[in-house]
Amino acid sequence: MLNIGTIVLGAADVRRAADFWSRALGYVPRESETKDDWIVLEPADGPGPALALDLSDVPVQEHPRVHLDLYAEDQAGEVERLVSLGAERVDWDLYPDDPDFVVLADTEGNRFCVIDLNHG
């Protein structure tokens, strides 16, 4: 059996990305894996998938094939909080008529969605 252990995102500025995602998710750096070109973050309060930031000079995809979905009870509040941490709203051209998600980009331009758990 397999389990997702770490999700890896590319970043031009690994430390800036780690700062954003640490504050966004309440994650902390894994001490043994904190470098200028690679940082692994893990949940501060127990088990869960880790998020690694890897130095990359590859351009961000406008419509990425893989992205994070973050689930929120208060979607509007979480979107505003993430924007205050440095995320940017994305002018997403693929929204359906009644979306349950908002597309944002992190400080490195990586797209992610905030899903409204109360939609519907």
N, C-alpha and C. Protein backbone atom coordinates (compact mmCIF):
# COMPACT_ATOMS: atom_id res chain seq x y z
N MET A 1 0.84 -1.19 0.00
CA MET A 1 0.00 0.00 0.00
C MET A 1 0.88 1.25 0.00
N LEU A 2 0.46 2.27 -0.71
CA LEU A 2 1.18 3.53 -0.78
C LEU A 2 0.39 4.63 -0.09
N ASN A 3 1.10 5.61 0.46
CA ASN A 3 0.50 6.81 1.04
C ASN A 3 1.24 8.02 0.52
N ILE A 4 0.54 9.13 0.36
CA ILE A 4 1.22 10.37 0.00
C ILE A 4 1.97 10.86 1.22
N GLY A 5 3.28 11.01 1.06
CA GLY A 5 4.11 11.47 2.17
C GLY A 5 4.46 12.94 2.04
N THR A 6 4.85 13.35 0.83
CA THR A 6 5.28 14.73 0.60
C THR A 6 4.77 15.20 -0.75
N ILE A 7 4.25 16.41 -0.77
CA ILE A 7 3.87 17.10 -1.99
C ILE A 7 4.97 18.12 -2.24
N VAL A 8 5.50 18.17 -3.47
CA VAL A 8 6.63 19.04 -3.77
C VAL A 8 6.18 20.14 -4.74
N LEU A 9 6.51 21.39 -4.39
CA LEU A 9 6.25 22.54 -5.26
C LEU A 9 7.57 23.18 -5.63
N GLY A 10 7.68 23.63 -6.86
CA GLY A 10 8.86 24.37 -7.29
C GLY A 10 8.78 25.82 -6.83
N ALA A 11 9.93 26.40 -6.58
CA ALA A 11 9.98 27.79 -6.11
C ALA A 11 11.30 28.43 -6.54
N ALA A 12 11.23 29.66 -7.02
CA ALA A 12 12.44 30.41 -7.33
C ALA A 12 13.10 30.92 -6.05
N ASP A 13 12.28 31.21 -5.04
CA ASP A 13 12.76 31.66 -3.73
C ASP A 13 12.19 30.70 -2.69
N VAL A 14 12.94 29.67 -2.38
CA VAL A 14 12.47 28.60 -1.50
C VAL A 14 12.11 29.12 -0.12
N ARG A 15 12.91 29.99 0.44
CA ARG A 15 12.62 30.48 1.80
C ARG A 15 11.35 31.34 1.84
N ARG A 16 11.14 32.17 0.81
CA ARG A 16 9.91 32.98 0.75
C ARG A 16 8.69 32.06 0.64
N ALA A 17 8.78 31.04 -0.21
CA ALA A 17 7.68 30.09 -0.36
C ALA A 17 7.43 29.34 0.94
N ALA A 18 8.48 28.93 1.62
CA ALA A 18 8.34 28.22 2.89
C ALA A 18 7.68 29.11 3.93
N ASP A 19 8.02 30.38 3.96
CA ASP A 19 7.40 31.31 4.90
C ASP A 19 5.90 31.42 4.62
N PHE A 20 5.53 31.57 3.35
CA PHE A 20 4.11 31.67 3.00
C PHE A 20 3.36 30.41 3.42
N TRP A 21 3.84 29.24 2.98
CA TRP A 21 3.12 28.00 3.26
C TRP A 21 3.13 27.65 4.75
N SER A 22 4.17 28.00 5.47
CA SER A 22 4.18 27.77 6.93
C SER A 22 3.05 28.54 7.59
N ARG A 23 2.91 29.80 7.20
CA ARG A 23 1.85 30.63 7.79
C ARG A 23 0.48 30.24 7.27
N ALA A 24 0.39 29.84 6.01
CA ALA A 24 -0.90 29.47 5.42
C ALA A 24 -1.46 28.19 6.06
N LEU A 25 -0.61 27.20 6.28
CA LEU A 25 -1.06 25.89 6.73
C LEU A 25 -0.75 25.57 8.19
N GLY A 26 0.01 26.43 8.86
CA GLY A 26 0.40 26.12 10.23
C GLY A 26 1.44 25.01 10.27
N TYR A 27 2.27 24.93 9.24
CA TYR A 27 3.33 23.92 9.15
C TYR A 27 4.64 24.48 9.68
N VAL A 28 5.54 23.59 10.02
CA VAL A 28 6.86 23.98 10.52
C VAL A 28 7.94 23.27 9.69
N PRO A 29 9.11 23.88 9.58
CA PRO A 29 10.20 23.22 8.83
C PRO A 29 10.68 21.96 9.55
N ARG A 30 10.96 20.95 8.76
CA ARG A 30 11.59 19.74 9.27
C ARG A 30 13.07 20.07 9.41
N GLU A 31 13.59 20.02 10.62
CA GLU A 31 14.96 20.50 10.90
C GLU A 31 16.01 19.88 10.01
N SER A 32 15.90 18.61 9.73
CA SER A 32 16.95 17.94 8.94
C SER A 32 16.87 18.28 7.46
N GLU A 33 15.81 18.96 7.03
CA GLU A 33 15.65 19.27 5.61
C GLU A 33 15.29 20.73 5.40
N THR A 34 16.19 21.60 5.84
CA THR A 34 16.00 23.04 5.66
C THR A 34 17.27 23.61 5.05
N LYS A 35 17.21 23.88 3.76
CA LYS A 35 18.35 24.44 3.03
C LYS A 35 17.85 25.56 2.14
N ASP A 36 18.76 26.27 1.49
CA ASP A 36 18.35 27.35 0.60
C ASP A 36 17.66 26.84 -0.66
N ASP A 37 17.92 25.58 -1.04
CA ASP A 37 17.34 25.05 -2.27
C ASP A 37 16.32 23.94 -2.01
N TRP A 38 16.01 23.62 -0.75
CA TRP A 38 15.08 22.53 -0.43
C TRP A 38 14.64 22.67 1.02
N ILE A 39 13.35 22.81 1.23
CA ILE A 39 12.80 22.87 2.58
C ILE A 39 11.57 21.97 2.63
N VAL A 40 11.51 21.15 3.66
CA VAL A 40 10.33 20.32 3.88
C VAL A 40 9.58 20.87 5.08
N LEU A 41 8.29 21.11 4.89
CA LEU A 41 7.41 21.57 5.95
C LEU A 41 6.49 20.43 6.34
N GLU A 42 6.16 20.36 7.63
CA GLU A 42 5.25 19.32 8.09
C GLU A 42 4.27 19.92 9.08
N PRO A 43 3.13 19.27 9.28
CA PRO A 43 2.14 19.80 10.21
C PRO A 43 2.73 19.98 11.61
N ALA A 44 2.44 21.11 12.22
CA ALA A 44 2.95 21.39 13.56
C ALA A 44 2.22 20.58 14.62
N ASP A 45 1.00 20.17 14.31
CA ASP A 45 0.17 19.55 15.35
C ASP A 45 -0.11 18.07 15.12
N GLY A 46 0.73 17.38 14.39
CA GLY A 46 0.53 15.94 14.24
C GLY A 46 0.78 15.44 12.84
N PRO A 47 0.30 14.24 12.56
CA PRO A 47 0.58 13.62 11.26
C PRO A 47 -0.18 14.29 10.12
N GLY A 48 0.33 14.10 8.94
CA GLY A 48 -0.29 14.63 7.73
C GLY A 48 0.76 14.72 6.64
N PRO A 49 0.34 14.98 5.42
CA PRO A 49 1.31 15.06 4.34
C PRO A 49 2.24 16.25 4.52
N ALA A 50 3.48 16.07 4.15
CA ALA A 50 4.47 17.16 4.20
C ALA A 50 4.38 17.94 2.89
N LEU A 51 4.86 19.16 2.93
CA LEU A 51 4.95 20.00 1.74
C LEU A 51 6.41 20.42 1.60
N ALA A 52 7.01 20.07 0.46
CA ALA A 52 8.40 20.43 0.22
C ALA A 52 8.47 21.52 -0.83
N LEU A 53 9.41 22.43 -0.66
CA LEU A 53 9.68 23.48 -1.62
C LEU A 53 11.05 23.22 -2.20
N ASP A 54 11.10 23.10 -3.52
CA ASP A 54 12.32 22.73 -4.23
C ASP A 54 12.70 23.87 -5.17
N LEU A 55 13.97 24.24 -5.16
CA LEU A 55 14.44 25.31 -6.03
C LEU A 55 14.17 24.95 -7.49
N SER A 56 13.56 25.87 -8.22
CA SER A 56 13.21 25.61 -9.62
C SER A 56 13.24 26.91 -10.41
N ASP A 57 13.71 26.81 -11.64
CA ASP A 57 13.66 27.97 -12.54
C ASP A 57 12.70 27.72 -13.70
N VAL A 58 11.89 26.68 -13.58
CA VAL A 58 10.89 26.35 -14.59
C VAL A 58 9.72 27.33 -14.44
N PRO A 59 9.24 27.89 -15.54
CA PRO A 59 8.11 28.82 -15.44
C PRO A 59 6.85 28.15 -14.89
N VAL A 60 6.05 28.93 -14.19
CA VAL A 60 4.79 28.45 -13.64
C VAL A 60 3.83 28.18 -14.79
N GLN A 61 3.06 27.09 -14.68
CA GLN A 61 2.06 26.77 -15.70
C GLN A 61 0.79 27.57 -15.45
N GLU A 62 0.23 28.12 -16.51
CA GLU A 62 -1.02 28.86 -16.38
C GLU A 62 -2.17 27.95 -15.94
N HIS A 63 -2.21 26.76 -16.49
CA HIS A 63 -3.19 25.75 -16.12
C HIS A 63 -2.43 24.49 -15.68
N PRO A 64 -1.96 24.47 -14.42
CA PRO A 64 -1.12 23.35 -13.97
C PRO A 64 -1.86 22.03 -13.98
N ARG A 65 -1.13 21.00 -14.29
CA ARG A 65 -1.73 19.66 -14.30
C ARG A 65 -1.91 19.13 -12.89
N VAL A 66 -1.11 19.59 -11.94
CA VAL A 66 -1.22 19.18 -10.55
C VAL A 66 -1.26 20.45 -9.70
N HIS A 67 -2.13 20.46 -8.71
CA HIS A 67 -2.21 21.61 -7.81
C HIS A 67 -2.78 21.15 -6.47
N LEU A 68 -2.74 22.03 -5.48
CA LEU A 68 -3.30 21.74 -4.16
C LEU A 68 -4.74 22.23 -4.09
N ASP A 69 -5.61 21.45 -3.48
CA ASP A 69 -6.95 21.88 -3.10
C ASP A 69 -6.97 21.98 -1.58
N LEU A 70 -7.25 23.16 -1.09
CA LEU A 70 -7.33 23.41 0.35
C LEU A 70 -8.80 23.55 0.72
N TYR A 71 -9.29 22.75 1.66
CA TYR A 71 -10.70 22.75 2.04
C TYR A 71 -10.93 23.75 3.17
N ALA A 72 -12.03 24.53 3.03
CA ALA A 72 -12.30 25.58 4.01
C ALA A 72 -13.77 25.61 4.40
N GLU A 73 -14.02 25.73 5.69
CA GLU A 73 -15.38 25.96 6.19
C GLU A 73 -15.81 27.39 5.89
N ASP A 74 -14.86 28.33 5.99
CA ASP A 74 -15.11 29.75 5.72
C ASP A 74 -14.23 30.16 4.53
N GLN A 75 -14.69 29.85 3.33
CA GLN A 75 -13.89 30.09 2.14
C GLN A 75 -13.50 31.57 2.00
N ALA A 76 -14.45 32.47 2.12
CA ALA A 76 -14.15 33.90 1.94
C ALA A 76 -13.12 34.37 2.96
N GLY A 77 -13.27 33.95 4.20
CA GLY A 77 -12.32 34.34 5.24
C GLY A 77 -10.93 33.79 4.98
N GLU A 78 -10.85 32.53 4.56
CA GLU A 78 -9.55 31.91 4.26
C GLU A 78 -8.90 32.56 3.05
N VAL A 79 -9.68 32.86 2.04
CA VAL A 79 -9.11 33.53 0.86
C VAL A 79 -8.51 34.87 1.26
N GLU A 80 -9.23 35.64 2.04
CA GLU A 80 -8.71 36.94 2.49
C GLU A 80 -7.45 36.77 3.33
N ARG A 81 -7.44 35.77 4.21
CA ARG A 81 -6.27 35.52 5.04
C ARG A 81 -5.07 35.16 4.18
N LEU A 82 -5.27 34.29 3.20
CA LEU A 82 -4.17 33.88 2.32
C LEU A 82 -3.66 35.05 1.48
N VAL A 83 -4.56 35.89 1.01
CA VAL A 83 -4.14 37.08 0.26
C VAL A 83 -3.33 38.00 1.16
N SER A 84 -3.72 38.13 2.43
CA SER A 84 -2.97 38.98 3.35
C SER A 84 -1.57 38.42 3.62
N LEU A 85 -1.38 37.10 3.42
CA LEU A 85 -0.07 36.47 3.60
C LEU A 85 0.80 36.56 2.35
N GLY A 86 0.23 37.01 1.23
CA GLY A 86 1.01 37.16 0.01
C GLY A 86 0.48 36.42 -1.20
N ALA A 87 -0.59 35.63 -1.03
CA ALA A 87 -1.20 34.97 -2.19
C ALA A 87 -1.85 36.02 -3.08
N GLU A 88 -2.03 35.67 -4.33
CA GLU A 88 -2.71 36.56 -5.28
C GLU A 88 -3.89 35.84 -5.90
N ARG A 89 -4.95 36.60 -6.14
CA ARG A 89 -6.10 36.05 -6.86
C ARG A 89 -5.70 35.83 -8.31
N VAL A 90 -6.17 34.74 -8.89
CA VAL A 90 -5.86 34.41 -10.28
C VAL A 90 -7.12 34.66 -11.11
N ASP A 91 -6.95 35.37 -12.22
CA ASP A 91 -8.05 35.60 -13.15
C ASP A 91 -8.24 34.30 -13.94
N TRP A 92 -8.99 33.37 -13.35
CA TRP A 92 -9.12 32.01 -13.87
C TRP A 92 -10.18 31.97 -14.96
N ASP A 93 -9.81 31.51 -16.12
CA ASP A 93 -10.74 31.49 -17.25
C ASP A 93 -11.54 30.19 -17.36
N LEU A 94 -11.36 29.27 -16.44
CA LEU A 94 -12.04 27.99 -16.51
C LEU A 94 -13.06 27.76 -15.39
N TYR A 95 -13.50 28.85 -14.73
CA TYR A 95 -14.51 28.69 -13.69
C TYR A 95 -15.82 28.19 -14.29
N PRO A 96 -16.48 27.22 -13.63
CA PRO A 96 -17.83 26.83 -14.05
C PRO A 96 -18.83 27.92 -13.63
N ASP A 97 -20.09 27.72 -13.95
CA ASP A 97 -21.12 28.72 -13.62
C ASP A 97 -21.26 28.99 -12.13
N ASP A 98 -21.20 27.97 -11.31
CA ASP A 98 -21.38 28.12 -9.87
C ASP A 98 -20.23 27.42 -9.16
N PRO A 99 -19.04 28.04 -9.18
CA PRO A 99 -17.87 27.34 -8.64
C PRO A 99 -17.91 27.20 -7.12
N ASP A 100 -17.34 26.10 -6.65
CA ASP A 100 -17.17 25.91 -5.21
C ASP A 100 -15.71 26.17 -4.82
N PHE A 101 -14.94 26.74 -5.73
CA PHE A 101 -13.52 26.97 -5.50
C PHE A 101 -13.10 28.35 -5.98
N VAL A 102 -12.02 28.84 -5.37
CA VAL A 102 -11.38 30.09 -5.77
C VAL A 102 -9.93 29.74 -6.07
N VAL A 103 -9.43 30.22 -7.20
CA VAL A 103 -8.05 29.94 -7.59
C VAL A 103 -7.16 31.08 -7.12
N LEU A 104 -6.10 30.72 -6.40
CA LEU A 104 -5.10 31.67 -5.94
C LEU A 104 -3.73 31.21 -6.42
N ALA A 105 -2.75 32.09 -6.30
CA ALA A 105 -1.36 31.73 -6.57
C ALA A 105 -0.54 32.08 -5.34
N ASP A 106 0.41 31.21 -5.00
CA ASP A 106 1.28 31.50 -3.85
C ASP A 106 2.31 32.55 -4.25
N THR A 107 3.24 32.83 -3.37
CA THR A 107 4.24 33.88 -3.62
C THR A 107 5.16 33.54 -4.79
N GLU A 108 5.14 32.29 -5.25
CA GLU A 108 5.97 31.85 -6.37
C GLU A 108 5.15 31.70 -7.65
N GLY A 109 3.86 31.96 -7.58
CA GLY A 109 2.99 31.83 -8.73
C GLY A 109 2.32 30.48 -8.88
N ASN A 110 2.63 29.53 -7.97
CA ASN A 110 1.99 28.21 -8.03
C ASN A 110 0.51 28.35 -7.73
N ARG A 111 -0.33 27.83 -8.63
CA ARG A 111 -1.77 27.89 -8.46
C ARG A 111 -2.23 26.86 -7.43
N PHE A 112 -3.26 27.25 -6.66
CA PHE A 112 -3.93 26.34 -5.74
C PHE A 112 -5.36 26.81 -5.58
N CYS A 113 -6.22 25.93 -5.11
CA CYS A 113 -7.64 26.24 -4.96
C CYS A 113 -8.05 26.20 -3.50
N VAL A 114 -8.95 27.09 -3.15
CA VAL A 114 -9.60 27.06 -1.84
C VAL A 114 -11.03 26.62 -2.10
N ILE A 115 -11.37 25.44 -1.58
CA ILE A 115 -12.65 24.81 -1.82
C ILE A 115 -13.62 25.14 -0.68
N ASP A 116 -14.82 25.55 -1.03
CA ASP A 116 -15.85 25.87 -0.05
C ASP A 116 -16.59 24.59 0.35
N LEU A 117 -16.35 24.11 1.56
CA LEU A 117 -17.00 22.89 2.04
C LEU A 117 -18.49 23.06 2.27
N ASN A 118 -18.97 24.31 2.32
CA ASN A 118 -20.38 24.57 2.56
C ASN A 118 -21.13 24.95 1.28
N HIS A 119 -20.49 24.79 0.15
CA HIS A 119 -21.11 25.16 -1.13
C HIS A 119 -22.27 24.23 -1.43
N GLY A 120 -23.31 24.83 -1.95
CA GLY A 120 -24.24 23.95 -2.48
C GLY A 120 -25.59 23.79 -2.18
